[in-house]
Amino acid sequence: FLDEPTASLDPSATREIETVIRAFDAAGTKIVMATHNLGQARRL
């Protein structure tokens, strides 16, 4: 479960976090993530 994990981060740090989230997903972990960011919702 991820609750707005990048809400207070700059774009560079956000990209790094999103890369890790994708790695979790690729490893078979179910991702449930809260966000109000439309772009992030599309990406992840």
PDB file of all heavy atoms in Angstrom:
ATOM      1  N   PHE A   1       0.856  -1.183   0.000  1.00  0.00           N
ATOM      2  CA  PHE A   1       0.000   0.000   0.000  1.00  0.00           C
ATOM      3  C   PHE A   1       0.898   1.241   0.000  1.00  0.00           C
ATOM      4  O   PHE A   1       1.804   1.356   0.832  1.00  0.00           O
ATOM      5  CB  PHE A   1      -0.901   0.022   1.234  1.00  0.00           C
ATOM      6  CG  PHE A   1      -1.901  -1.101   1.278  1.00  0.00           C
ATOM      7  CD1 PHE A   1      -1.740  -2.163   2.155  1.00  0.00           C
ATOM      8  CD2 PHE A   1      -3.007  -1.092   0.444  1.00  0.00           C
ATOM      9  CE1 PHE A   1      -2.660  -3.194   2.214  1.00  0.00           C
ATOM     10  CE2 PHE A   1      -3.943  -2.128   0.485  1.00  0.00           C
ATOM     11  CZ  PHE A   1      -3.763  -3.181   1.375  1.00  0.00           C
ATOM     12  N   LEU A   2       0.632   2.164  -0.914  1.00  0.00           N
ATOM     13  CA  LEU A   2       1.420   3.385  -1.042  1.00  0.00           C
ATOM     14  C   LEU A   2       0.481   4.579  -0.936  1.00  0.00           C
ATOM     15  O   LEU A   2      -0.399   4.755  -1.775  1.00  0.00           O
ATOM     16  CB  LEU A   2       2.139   3.415  -2.396  1.00  0.00           C
ATOM     17  CG  LEU A   2       3.118   2.265  -2.661  1.00  0.00           C
ATOM     18  CD1 LEU A   2       3.444   2.177  -4.141  1.00  0.00           C
ATOM     19  CD2 LEU A   2       4.388   2.460  -1.846  1.00  0.00           C
ATOM     20  N   ASP A   3       0.681   5.394   0.090  1.00  0.00           N
ATOM     21  CA  ASP A   3      -0.202   6.536   0.312  1.00  0.00           C
ATOM     22  C   ASP A   3       0.515   7.823  -0.102  1.00  0.00           C
ATOM     23  O   ASP A   3       1.325   8.359   0.644  1.00  0.00           O
ATOM     24  CB  ASP A   3      -0.613   6.598   1.787  1.00  0.00           C
ATOM     25  CG  ASP A   3      -1.645   7.689   2.045  1.00  0.00           C
ATOM     26  OD1 ASP A   3      -2.219   8.214   1.069  1.00  0.00           O
ATOM     27  OD2 ASP A   3      -1.870   8.016   3.225  1.00  0.00           O
ATOM     28  N   GLU A   4       0.234   8.299  -1.307  1.00  0.00           N
ATOM     29  CA  GLU A   4       0.827   9.534  -1.827  1.00  0.00           C
ATOM     30  C   GLU A   4       2.343   9.557  -1.616  1.00  0.00           C
ATOM     31  O   GLU A   4       2.891  10.504  -1.032  1.00  0.00           O
ATOM     32  CB  GLU A   4       0.187  10.754  -1.138  1.00  0.00           C
ATOM     33  CG  GLU A   4      -1.317  10.852  -1.294  1.00  0.00           C
ATOM     34  CD  GLU A   4      -1.751  11.641  -2.523  1.00  0.00           C
ATOM     35  OE1 GLU A   4      -0.888  11.932  -3.364  1.00  0.00           O
ATOM     36  OE2 GLU A   4      -2.945  11.943  -2.626  1.00  0.00           O
ATOM     37  N   PRO A   5       3.081   8.542  -2.076  1.00  0.00           N
ATOM     38  CA  PRO A   5       4.500   8.422  -1.717  1.00  0.00           C
ATOM     39  C   PRO A   5       5.410   9.485  -2.327  1.00  0.00           C
ATOM     40  O   PRO A   5       6.548   9.625  -1.889  1.00  0.00           O
ATOM     41  CB  PRO A   5       4.859   7.034  -2.252  1.00  0.00           C
ATOM     42  CG  PRO A   5       3.925   6.818  -3.396  1.00  0.00           C
ATOM     43  CD  PRO A   5       2.640   7.463  -2.964  1.00  0.00           C
ATOM     44  N   THR A   6       4.931  10.229  -3.322  1.00  0.00           N
ATOM     45  CA  THR A   6       5.781  11.251  -3.943  1.00  0.00           C
ATOM     46  C   THR A   6       5.207  12.650  -3.812  1.00  0.00           C
ATOM     47  O   THR A   6       5.699  13.587  -4.453  1.00  0.00           O
ATOM     48  CB  THR A   6       6.003  10.935  -5.438  1.00  0.00           C
ATOM     49  OG1 THR A   6       4.743  11.031  -6.131  1.00  0.00           O
ATOM     50  CG2 THR A   6       6.571   9.542  -5.638  1.00  0.00           C
ATOM     51  N   ALA A   7       4.196  12.837  -2.986  1.00  0.00           N
ATOM     52  CA  ALA A   7       3.471  14.113  -2.942  1.00  0.00           C
ATOM     53  C   ALA A   7       4.371  15.285  -2.559  1.00  0.00           C
ATOM     54  O   ALA A   7       4.144  16.409  -3.003  1.00  0.00           O
ATOM     55  CB  ALA A   7       2.294  14.022  -1.981  1.00  0.00           C
ATOM     56  N   SER A   8       5.391  15.046  -1.742  1.00  0.00           N
ATOM     57  CA  SER A   8       6.242  16.148  -1.272  1.00  0.00           C
ATOM     58  C   SER A   8       7.620  16.146  -1.926  1.00  0.00           C
ATOM     59  O   SER A   8       8.537  16.834  -1.452  1.00  0.00           O
ATOM     60  CB  SER A   8       6.399  16.059   0.256  1.00  0.00           C
ATOM     61  OG  SER A   8       6.982  14.825   0.630  1.00  0.00           O
ATOM     62  N   LEU A   9       7.779  15.399  -3.019  1.00  0.00           N
ATOM     63  CA  LEU A   9       9.088  15.251  -3.651  1.00  0.00           C
ATOM     64  C   LEU A   9       9.181  16.042  -4.947  1.00  0.00           C
ATOM     65  O   LEU A   9       8.179  16.302  -5.615  1.00  0.00           O
ATOM     66  CB  LEU A   9       9.369  13.771  -3.924  1.00  0.00           C
ATOM     67  CG  LEU A   9       9.333  12.837  -2.714  1.00  0.00           C
ATOM     68  CD1 LEU A   9       9.640  11.412  -3.145  1.00  0.00           C
ATOM     69  CD2 LEU A   9      10.298  13.299  -1.628  1.00  0.00           C
ATOM     70  N   ASP A  10      10.417  16.392  -5.319  1.00  0.00           N
ATOM     71  CA  ASP A  10      10.632  17.090  -6.585  1.00  0.00           C
ATOM     72  C   ASP A  10      10.563  16.083  -7.738  1.00  0.00           C
ATOM     73  O   ASP A  10      10.534  14.866  -7.513  1.00  0.00           O
ATOM     74  CB  ASP A  10      11.963  17.842  -6.577  1.00  0.00           C
ATOM     75  CG  ASP A  10      13.181  16.940  -6.422  1.00  0.00           C
ATOM     76  OD1 ASP A  10      13.150  15.778  -6.902  1.00  0.00           O
ATOM     77  OD2 ASP A  10      14.172  17.377  -5.833  1.00  0.00           O
ATOM     78  N   PRO A  11      10.512  16.547  -8.995  1.00  0.00           N
ATOM     79  CA  PRO A  11      10.348  15.635 -10.131  1.00  0.00           C
ATOM     80  C   PRO A  11      11.421  14.559 -10.234  1.00  0.00           C
ATOM     81  O   PRO A  11      11.117  13.413 -10.578  1.00  0.00           O
ATOM     82  CB  PRO A  11      10.382  16.579 -11.344  1.00  0.00           C
ATOM     83  CG  PRO A  11       9.859  17.873 -10.811  1.00  0.00           C
ATOM     84  CD  PRO A  11      10.405  17.961  -9.410  1.00  0.00           C
ATOM     85  N   SER A  12      12.680  14.902  -9.935  1.00  0.00           N
ATOM     86  CA  SER A  12      13.751  13.904 -10.027  1.00  0.00           C
ATOM     87  C   SER A  12      13.553  12.788  -9.008  1.00  0.00           C
ATOM     88  O   SER A  12      13.655  11.598  -9.337  1.00  0.00           O
ATOM     89  CB  SER A  12      15.109  14.579  -9.809  1.00  0.00           C
ATOM     90  OG  SER A  12      16.150  13.616  -9.802  1.00  0.00           O
ATOM     91  N   ALA A  13      13.269  13.170  -7.765  1.00  0.00           N
ATOM     92  CA  ALA A  13      13.039  12.166  -6.725  1.00  0.00           C
ATOM     93  C   ALA A  13      11.787  11.357  -7.029  1.00  0.00           C
ATOM     94  O   ALA A  13      11.743  10.144  -6.778  1.00  0.00           O
ATOM     95  CB  ALA A  13      12.917  12.839  -5.362  1.00  0.00           C
ATOM     96  N   THR A  14      10.774  11.996  -7.590  1.00  0.00           N
ATOM     97  CA  THR A  14       9.554  11.291  -7.958  1.00  0.00           C
ATOM     98  C   THR A  14       9.841  10.206  -8.983  1.00  0.00           C
ATOM     99  O   THR A  14       9.342   9.074  -8.876  1.00  0.00           O
ATOM    100  CB  THR A  14       8.511  12.281  -8.523  1.00  0.00           C
ATOM    101  OG1 THR A  14       8.096  13.158  -7.466  1.00  0.00           O
ATOM    102  CG2 THR A  14       7.294  11.549  -9.061  1.00  0.00           C
ATOM    103  N   ARG A  15      10.657  10.527  -9.992  1.00  0.00           N
ATOM    104  CA  ARG A  15      11.013   9.517 -11.005  1.00  0.00           C
ATOM    105  C   ARG A  15      11.730   8.334 -10.374  1.00  0.00           C
ATOM    106  O   ARG A  15      11.487   7.173 -10.743  1.00  0.00           O
ATOM    107  CB  ARG A  15      11.884  10.152 -12.091  1.00  0.00           C
ATOM    108  CG  ARG A  15      11.120  11.074 -13.036  1.00  0.00           C
ATOM    109  CD  ARG A  15      11.953  11.418 -14.254  1.00  0.00           C
ATOM    110  NE  ARG A  15      13.147  12.185 -13.907  1.00  0.00           N
ATOM    111  CZ  ARG A  15      13.180  13.513 -13.824  1.00  0.00           C
ATOM    112  NH1 ARG A  15      12.076  14.222 -14.030  1.00  0.00           N
ATOM    113  NH2 ARG A  15      14.305  14.132 -13.516  1.00  0.00           N
ATOM    114  N   GLU A  16      12.605   8.603  -9.407  1.00  0.00           N
ATOM    115  CA  GLU A  16      13.329   7.515  -8.731  1.00  0.00           C
ATOM    116  C   GLU A  16      12.370   6.620  -7.961  1.00  0.00           C
ATOM    117  O   GLU A  16      12.488   5.381  -7.998  1.00  0.00           O
ATOM    118  CB  GLU A  16      14.384   8.096  -7.793  1.00  0.00           C
ATOM    119  CG  GLU A  16      15.534   8.796  -8.506  1.00  0.00           C
ATOM    120  CD  GLU A  16      16.468   9.499  -7.546  1.00  0.00           C
ATOM    121  OE1 GLU A  16      16.066   9.747  -6.384  1.00  0.00           O
ATOM    122  OE2 GLU A  16      17.609   9.795  -7.945  1.00  0.00           O
ATOM    123  N   ILE A  17      11.418   7.226  -7.265  1.00  0.00           N
ATOM    124  CA  ILE A  17      10.440   6.443  -6.504  1.00  0.00           C
ATOM    125  C   ILE A  17       9.573   5.622  -7.448  1.00  0.00           C
ATOM    126  O   ILE A  17       9.286   4.438  -7.195  1.00  0.00           O
ATOM    127  CB  ILE A  17       9.571   7.355  -5.629  1.00  0.00           C
ATOM    128  CG1 ILE A  17      10.417   8.067  -4.566  1.00  0.00           C
ATOM    129  CG2 ILE A  17       8.441   6.565  -4.974  1.00  0.00           C
ATOM    130  CD1 ILE A  17      11.159   7.145  -3.629  1.00  0.00           C
ATOM    131  N   GLU A  18       9.155   6.215  -8.544  1.00  0.00           N
ATOM    132  CA  GLU A  18       8.320   5.485  -9.498  1.00  0.00           C
ATOM    133  C   GLU A  18       9.070   4.303 -10.100  1.00  0.00           C
ATOM    134  O   GLU A  18       8.471   3.252 -10.366  1.00  0.00           O
ATOM    135  CB  GLU A  18       7.819   6.428 -10.586  1.00  0.00           C
ATOM    136  CG  GLU A  18       6.782   7.422 -10.080  1.00  0.00           C
ATOM    137  CD  GLU A  18       6.198   8.286 -11.185  1.00  0.00           C
ATOM    138  OE1 GLU A  18       6.617   8.134 -12.359  1.00  0.00           O
ATOM    139  OE2 GLU A  18       5.312   9.112 -10.890  1.00  0.00           O
ATOM    140  N   THR A  19      10.365   4.445 -10.299  1.00  0.00           N
ATOM    141  CA  THR A  19      11.173   3.330 -10.797  1.00  0.00           C
ATOM    142  C   THR A  19      11.160   2.174  -9.805  1.00  0.00           C
ATOM    143  O   THR A  19      11.025   0.999 -10.191  1.00  0.00           O
ATOM    144  CB  THR A  19      12.623   3.784 -11.051  1.00  0.00           C
ATOM    145  OG1 THR A  19      12.623   4.766 -12.085  1.00  0.00           O
ATOM    146  CG2 THR A  19      13.505   2.617 -11.481  1.00  0.00           C
ATOM    147  N   VAL A  20      11.267   2.481  -8.515  1.00  0.00           N
ATOM    148  CA  VAL A  20      11.233   1.434  -7.487  1.00  0.00           C
ATOM    149  C   VAL A  20       9.852   0.784  -7.440  1.00  0.00           C
ATOM    150  O   VAL A  20       9.735  -0.444  -7.316  1.00  0.00           O
ATOM    151  CB  VAL A  20      11.614   2.011  -6.112  1.00  0.00           C
ATOM    152  CG1 VAL A  20      11.492   0.934  -5.032  1.00  0.00           C
ATOM    153  CG2 VAL A  20      13.031   2.574  -6.131  1.00  0.00           C
ATOM    154  N   ILE A  21       8.806   1.587  -7.561  1.00  0.00           N
ATOM    155  CA  ILE A  21       7.448   1.033  -7.545  1.00  0.00           C
ATOM    156  C   ILE A  21       7.256   0.058  -8.710  1.00  0.00           C
ATOM    157  O   ILE A  21       6.667  -1.021  -8.555  1.00  0.00           O
ATOM    158  CB  ILE A  21       6.403   2.162  -7.592  1.00  0.00           C
ATOM    159  CG1 ILE A  21       6.458   2.968  -6.294  1.00  0.00           C
ATOM    160  CG2 ILE A  21       4.991   1.589  -7.795  1.00  0.00           C
ATOM    161  CD1 ILE A  21       5.639   4.245  -6.321  1.00  0.00           C
ATOM    162  N   ARG A  22       7.766   0.419  -9.868  1.00  0.00           N
ATOM    163  CA  ARG A  22       7.668  -0.489 -11.027  1.00  0.00           C
ATOM    164  C   ARG A  22       8.434  -1.786 -10.761  1.00  0.00           C
ATOM    165  O   ARG A  22       8.020  -2.859 -11.211  1.00  0.00           O
ATOM    166  CB  ARG A  22       8.210   0.198 -12.277  1.00  0.00           C
ATOM    167  CG  ARG A  22       7.320   1.326 -12.795  1.00  0.00           C
ATOM    168  CD  ARG A  22       7.803   1.804 -14.156  1.00  0.00           C
ATOM    169  NE  ARG A  22       7.034   2.942 -14.622  1.00  0.00           N
ATOM    170  CZ  ARG A  22       7.414   4.212 -14.473  1.00  0.00           C
ATOM    171  NH1 ARG A  22       8.560   4.486 -13.867  1.00  0.00           N
ATOM    172  NH2 ARG A  22       6.647   5.196 -14.926  1.00  0.00           N
ATOM    173  N   ALA A  23       9.544  -1.689 -10.038  1.00  0.00           N
ATOM    174  CA  ALA A  23      10.313  -2.892  -9.711  1.00  0.00           C
ATOM    175  C   ALA A  23       9.513  -3.818  -8.796  1.00  0.00           C
ATOM    176  O   ALA A  23       9.542  -5.047  -8.960  1.00  0.00           O
ATOM    177  CB  ALA A  23      11.644  -2.510  -9.060  1.00  0.00           C
ATOM    178  N   PHE A  24       8.808  -3.253  -7.823  1.00  0.00           N
ATOM    179  CA  PHE A  24       7.918  -4.057  -6.982  1.00  0.00           C
ATOM    180  C   PHE A  24       6.890  -4.778  -7.852  1.00  0.00           C
ATOM    181  O   PHE A  24       6.646  -5.975  -7.695  1.00  0.00           O
ATOM    182  CB  PHE A  24       7.181  -3.168  -5.977  1.00  0.00           C
ATOM    183  CG  PHE A  24       7.877  -2.966  -4.663  1.00  0.00           C
ATOM    184  CD1 PHE A  24       8.608  -1.819  -4.420  1.00  0.00           C
ATOM    185  CD2 PHE A  24       7.775  -3.910  -3.661  1.00  0.00           C
ATOM    186  CE1 PHE A  24       9.239  -1.618  -3.206  1.00  0.00           C
ATOM    187  CE2 PHE A  24       8.401  -3.730  -2.436  1.00  0.00           C
ATOM    188  CZ  PHE A  24       9.135  -2.568  -2.205  1.00  0.00           C
ATOM    189  N   ASP A  25       6.281  -4.019  -8.751  1.00  0.00           N
ATOM    190  CA  ASP A  25       5.254  -4.575  -9.629  1.00  0.00           C
ATOM    191  C   ASP A  25       5.822  -5.711 -10.469  1.00  0.00           C
ATOM    192  O   ASP A  25       5.217  -6.788 -10.593  1.00  0.00           O
ATOM    193  CB  ASP A  25       4.704  -3.460 -10.516  1.00  0.00           C
ATOM    194  CG  ASP A  25       3.533  -3.910 -11.383  1.00  0.00           C
ATOM    195  OD1 ASP A  25       2.739  -4.749 -10.927  1.00  0.00           O
ATOM    196  OD2 ASP A  25       3.419  -3.423 -12.515  1.00  0.00           O
ATOM    197  N   ALA A  26       7.012  -5.492 -11.026  1.00  0.00           N
ATOM    198  CA  ALA A  26       7.643  -6.511 -11.868  1.00  0.00           C
ATOM    199  C   ALA A  26       7.996  -7.762 -11.069  1.00  0.00           C
ATOM    200  O   ALA A  26       8.021  -8.869 -11.621  1.00  0.00           O
ATOM    201  CB  ALA A  26       8.901  -5.940 -12.529  1.00  0.00           C
ATOM    202  N   ALA A  27       8.252  -7.587  -9.771  1.00  0.00           N
ATOM    203  CA  ALA A  27       8.604  -8.724  -8.912  1.00  0.00           C
ATOM    204  C   ALA A  27       7.378  -9.499  -8.439  1.00  0.00           C
ATOM    205  O   ALA A  27       7.515 -10.510  -7.748  1.00  0.00           O
ATOM    206  CB  ALA A  27       9.409  -8.237  -7.707  1.00  0.00           C
ATOM    207  N   GLY A  28       6.179  -9.021  -8.793  1.00  0.00           N
ATOM    208  CA  GLY A  28       4.967  -9.755  -8.444  1.00  0.00           C
ATOM    209  C   GLY A  28       4.200  -9.222  -7.253  1.00  0.00           C
ATOM    210  O   GLY A  28       3.207  -9.823  -6.837  1.00  0.00           O
ATOM    211  N   THR A  29       4.644  -8.090  -6.691  1.00  0.00           N
ATOM    212  CA  THR A  29       3.914  -7.487  -5.578  1.00  0.00           C
ATOM    213  C   THR A  29       2.714  -6.717  -6.108  1.00  0.00           C
ATOM    214  O   THR A  29       2.836  -5.942  -7.055  1.00  0.00           O
ATOM    215  CB  THR A  29       4.825  -6.529  -4.778  1.00  0.00           C
ATOM    216  OG1 THR A  29       5.873  -7.277  -4.173  1.00  0.00           O
ATOM    217  CG2 THR A  29       4.051  -5.806  -3.690  1.00  0.00           C
ATOM    218  N   LYS A  30       1.572  -6.912  -5.490  1.00  0.00           N
ATOM    219  CA  LYS A  30       0.382  -6.151  -5.834  1.00  0.00           C
ATOM    220  C   LYS A  30       0.538  -4.727  -5.323  1.00  0.00           C
ATOM    221  O   LYS A  30       0.776  -4.508  -4.134  1.00  0.00           O
ATOM    222  CB  LYS A  30      -0.862  -6.799  -5.221  1.00  0.00           C
ATOM    223  CG  LYS A  30      -2.111  -5.928  -5.220  1.00  0.00           C
ATOM    224  CD  LYS A  30      -2.704  -5.805  -6.606  1.00  0.00           C
ATOM    225  CE  LYS A  30      -3.976  -4.971  -6.571  1.00  0.00           C
ATOM    226  NZ  LYS A  30      -4.726  -4.999  -7.831  1.00  0.00           N
ATOM    227  N   ILE A  31       0.403  -3.739  -6.215  1.00  0.00           N
ATOM    228  CA  ILE A  31       0.509  -2.341  -5.842  1.00  0.00           C
ATOM    229  C   ILE A  31      -0.884  -1.747  -5.683  1.00  0.00           C
ATOM    230  O   ILE A  31      -1.723  -1.848  -6.586  1.00  0.00           O
ATOM    231  CB  ILE A  31       1.287  -1.541  -6.911  1.00  0.00           C
ATOM    232  CG1 ILE A  31       2.715  -2.089  -7.084  1.00  0.00           C
ATOM    233  CG2 ILE A  31       1.314  -0.059  -6.562  1.00  0.00           C
ATOM    234  CD1 ILE A  31       3.580  -1.984  -5.861  1.00  0.00           C
ATOM    235  N   VAL A  32      -1.133  -1.148  -4.516  1.00  0.00           N
ATOM    236  CA  VAL A  32      -2.348  -0.365  -4.283  1.00  0.00           C
ATOM    237  C   VAL A  32      -1.872   1.014  -3.841  1.00  0.00           C
ATOM    238  O   VAL A  32      -1.285   1.160  -2.771  1.00  0.00           O
ATOM    239  CB  VAL A  32      -3.261  -0.985  -3.216  1.00  0.00           C
ATOM    240  CG1 VAL A  32      -4.536  -0.162  -3.061  1.00  0.00           C
ATOM    241  CG2 VAL A  32      -3.597  -2.427  -3.554  1.00  0.00           C
ATOM    242  N   MET A  33      -2.110   2.020  -4.678  1.00  0.00           N
ATOM    243  CA  MET A  33      -1.497   3.326  -4.449  1.00  0.00           C
ATOM    244  C   MET A  33      -2.520   4.435  -4.506  1.00  0.00           C
ATOM    245  O   MET A  33      -3.342   4.499  -5.432  1.00  0.00           O
ATOM    246  CB  MET A  33      -0.417   3.573  -5.507  1.00  0.00           C
ATOM    247  CG  MET A  33       0.249   4.926  -5.425  1.00  0.00           C
ATOM    248  SD  MET A  33       1.593   5.032  -6.624  1.00  0.00           S
ATOM    249  CE  MET A  33       1.906   6.793  -6.584  1.00  0.00           C
ATOM    250  N   ALA A  34      -2.486   5.327  -3.522  1.00  0.00           N
ATOM    251  CA  ALA A  34      -3.347   6.502  -3.503  1.00  0.00           C
ATOM    252  C   ALA A  34      -2.593   7.697  -4.060  1.00  0.00           C
ATOM    253  O   ALA A  34      -1.427   7.929  -3.719  1.00  0.00           O
ATOM    254  CB  ALA A  34      -3.803   6.798  -2.080  1.00  0.00           C
ATOM    255  N   THR A  35      -3.252   8.463  -4.916  1.00  0.00           N
ATOM    256  CA  THR A  35      -2.658   9.676  -5.462  1.00  0.00           C
ATOM    257  C   THR A  35      -3.760  10.591  -5.978  1.00  0.00           C
ATOM    258  O   THR A  35      -4.877  10.147  -6.242  1.00  0.00           O
ATOM    259  CB  THR A  35      -1.668   9.352  -6.603  1.00  0.00           C
ATOM    260  OG1 THR A  35      -1.024  10.561  -7.031  1.00  0.00           O
ATOM    261  CG2 THR A  35      -2.369   8.721  -7.801  1.00  0.00           C
ATOM    262  N   HIS A  36      -3.438  11.880  -6.097  1.00  0.00           N
ATOM    263  CA  HIS A  36      -4.332  12.798  -6.811  1.00  0.00           C
ATOM    264  C   HIS A  36      -3.657  13.264  -8.097  1.00  0.00           C
ATOM    265  O   HIS A  36      -4.181  14.127  -8.794  1.00  0.00           O
ATOM    266  CB  HIS A  36      -4.722  13.993  -5.937  1.00  0.00           C
ATOM    267  CG  HIS A  36      -3.563  14.843  -5.504  1.00  0.00           C
ATOM    268  ND1 HIS A  36      -3.129  14.902  -4.203  1.00  0.00           N
ATOM    269  CD2 HIS A  36      -2.748  15.671  -6.196  1.00  0.00           C
ATOM    270  CE1 HIS A  36      -2.102  15.727  -4.119  1.00  0.00           C
ATOM    271  NE2 HIS A  36      -1.858  16.215  -5.318  1.00  0.00           N
ATOM    272  N   ASN A  37      -2.497  12.685  -8.410  1.00  0.00           N
ATOM    273  CA  ASN A  37      -1.694  13.074  -9.566  1.00  0.00           C
ATOM    274  C   ASN A  37      -2.135  12.266 -10.789  1.00  0.00           C
ATOM    275  O   ASN A  37      -1.902  11.057 -10.869  1.00  0.00           O
ATOM    276  CB  ASN A  37      -0.211  12.830  -9.245  1.00  0.00           C
ATOM    277  CG  ASN A  37       0.712  13.311 -10.329  1.00  0.00           C
ATOM    278  OD1 ASN A  37       0.504  13.048 -11.512  1.00  0.00           O
ATOM    279  ND2 ASN A  37       1.761  14.001  -9.921  1.00  0.00           N
ATOM    280  N   LEU A  38      -2.761  12.931 -11.744  1.00  0.00           N
ATOM    281  CA  LEU A  38      -3.287  12.237 -12.919  1.00  0.00           C
ATOM    282  C   LEU A  38      -2.178  11.602 -13.750  1.00  0.00           C
ATOM    283  O   LEU A  38      -2.325  10.481 -14.239  1.00  0.00           O
ATOM    284  CB  LEU A  38      -4.094  13.208 -13.786  1.00  0.00           C
ATOM    285  CG  LEU A  38      -5.359  13.795 -13.152  1.00  0.00           C
ATOM    286  CD1 LEU A  38      -6.009  14.789 -14.110  1.00  0.00           C
ATOM    287  CD2 LEU A  38      -6.333  12.699 -12.786  1.00  0.00           C
ATOM    288  N   GLY A  39      -1.074  12.312 -13.934  1.00  0.00           N
ATOM    289  CA  GLY A  39       0.031  11.757 -14.710  1.00  0.00           C
ATOM    290  C   GLY A  39       0.596  10.513 -14.071  1.00  0.00           C
ATOM    291  O   GLY A  39       0.898   9.526 -14.756  1.00  0.00           O
ATOM    292  N   GLN A  40       0.750  10.542 -12.777  1.00  0.00           N
ATOM    293  CA  GLN A  40       1.272   9.384 -12.063  1.00  0.00           C
ATOM    294  C   GLN A  40       0.313   8.203 -12.148  1.00  0.00           C
ATOM    295  O   GLN A  40       0.738   7.049 -12.309  1.00  0.00           O
ATOM    296  CB  GLN A  40       1.514   9.755 -10.605  1.00  0.00           C
ATOM    297  CG  GLN A  40       2.255   8.696  -9.802  1.00  0.00           C
ATOM    298  CD  GLN A  40       2.728   9.258  -8.483  1.00  0.00           C
ATOM    299  OE1 GLN A  40       1.918   9.521  -7.597  1.00  0.00           O
ATOM    300  NE2 GLN A  40       4.038   9.450  -8.358  1.00  0.00           N
ATOM    301  N   ALA A  41      -0.973   8.487 -12.052  1.00  0.00           N
ATOM    302  CA  ALA A  41      -1.964   7.423 -12.182  1.00  0.00           C
ATOM    303  C   ALA A  41      -1.859   6.754 -13.551  1.00  0.00           C
ATOM    304  O   ALA A  41      -1.946   5.529 -13.667  1.00  0.00           O
ATOM    305  CB  ALA A  41      -3.369   7.988 -11.970  1.00  0.00           C
ATOM    306  N   ARG A  42      -1.669   7.546 -14.598  1.00  0.00           N
ATOM    307  CA  ARG A  42      -1.514   6.989 -15.945  1.00  0.00           C
ATOM    308  C   ARG A  42      -0.246   6.148 -16.056  1.00  0.00           C
ATOM    309  O   ARG A  42      -0.247   5.083 -16.675  1.00  0.00           O
ATOM    310  CB  ARG A  42      -1.445   8.113 -16.974  1.00  0.00           C
ATOM    311  CG  ARG A  42      -2.746   8.844 -17.258  1.00  0.00           C
ATOM    312  CD  ARG A  42      -2.469   9.953 -18.264  1.00  0.00           C
ATOM    313  NE  ARG A  42      -3.614  10.782 -18.559  1.00  0.00           N
ATOM    314  CZ  ARG A  42      -4.463  10.557 -19.555  1.00  0.00           C
ATOM    315  NH1 ARG A  42      -4.300   9.507 -20.337  1.00  0.00           N
ATOM    316  NH2 ARG A  42      -5.469  11.372 -19.772  1.00  0.00           N
ATOM    317  N   ARG A  43       0.840   6.652 -15.465  1.00  0.00           N
ATOM    318  CA  ARG A  43       2.133   5.975 -15.599  1.00  0.00           C
ATOM    319  C   ARG A  43       2.187   4.653 -14.844  1.00  0.00           C
ATOM    320  O   ARG A  43       2.792   3.680 -15.311  1.00  0.00           O
ATOM    321  CB  ARG A  43       3.266   6.884 -15.098  1.00  0.00           C
ATOM    322  CG  ARG A  43       3.541   8.085 -15.976  1.00  0.00           C
ATOM    323  CD  ARG A  43       4.827   8.779 -15.566  1.00  0.00           C
ATOM    324  NE  ARG A  43       4.784   9.344 -14.228  1.00  0.00           N
ATOM    325  CZ  ARG A  43       4.339  10.568 -13.922  1.00  0.00           C
ATOM    326  NH1 ARG A  43       3.848  11.352 -14.880  1.00  0.00           N
ATOM    327  NH2 ARG A  43       4.369  11.009 -12.676  1.00  0.00           N
ATOM    328  N   LEU A  44       1.578   4.601 -13.667  1.00  0.00           N
ATOM    329  CA  LEU A  44       1.776   3.457 -12.776  1.00  0.00           C
ATOM    330  C   LEU A  44       0.575   2.525 -12.662  1.00  0.00           C
ATOM    331  O   LEU A  44       0.712   1.408 -12.177  1.00  0.00           O
ATOM    332  CB  LEU A  44       2.160   3.946 -11.376  1.00  0.00           C
ATOM    333  CG  LEU A  44       3.461   4.741 -11.255  1.00  0.00           C
ATOM    334  CD1 LEU A  44       3.677   5.159  -9.806  1.00  0.00           C
ATOM    335  CD2 LEU A  44       4.650   3.939 -11.757  1.00  0.00           C
TER     336      LEU A  44
END
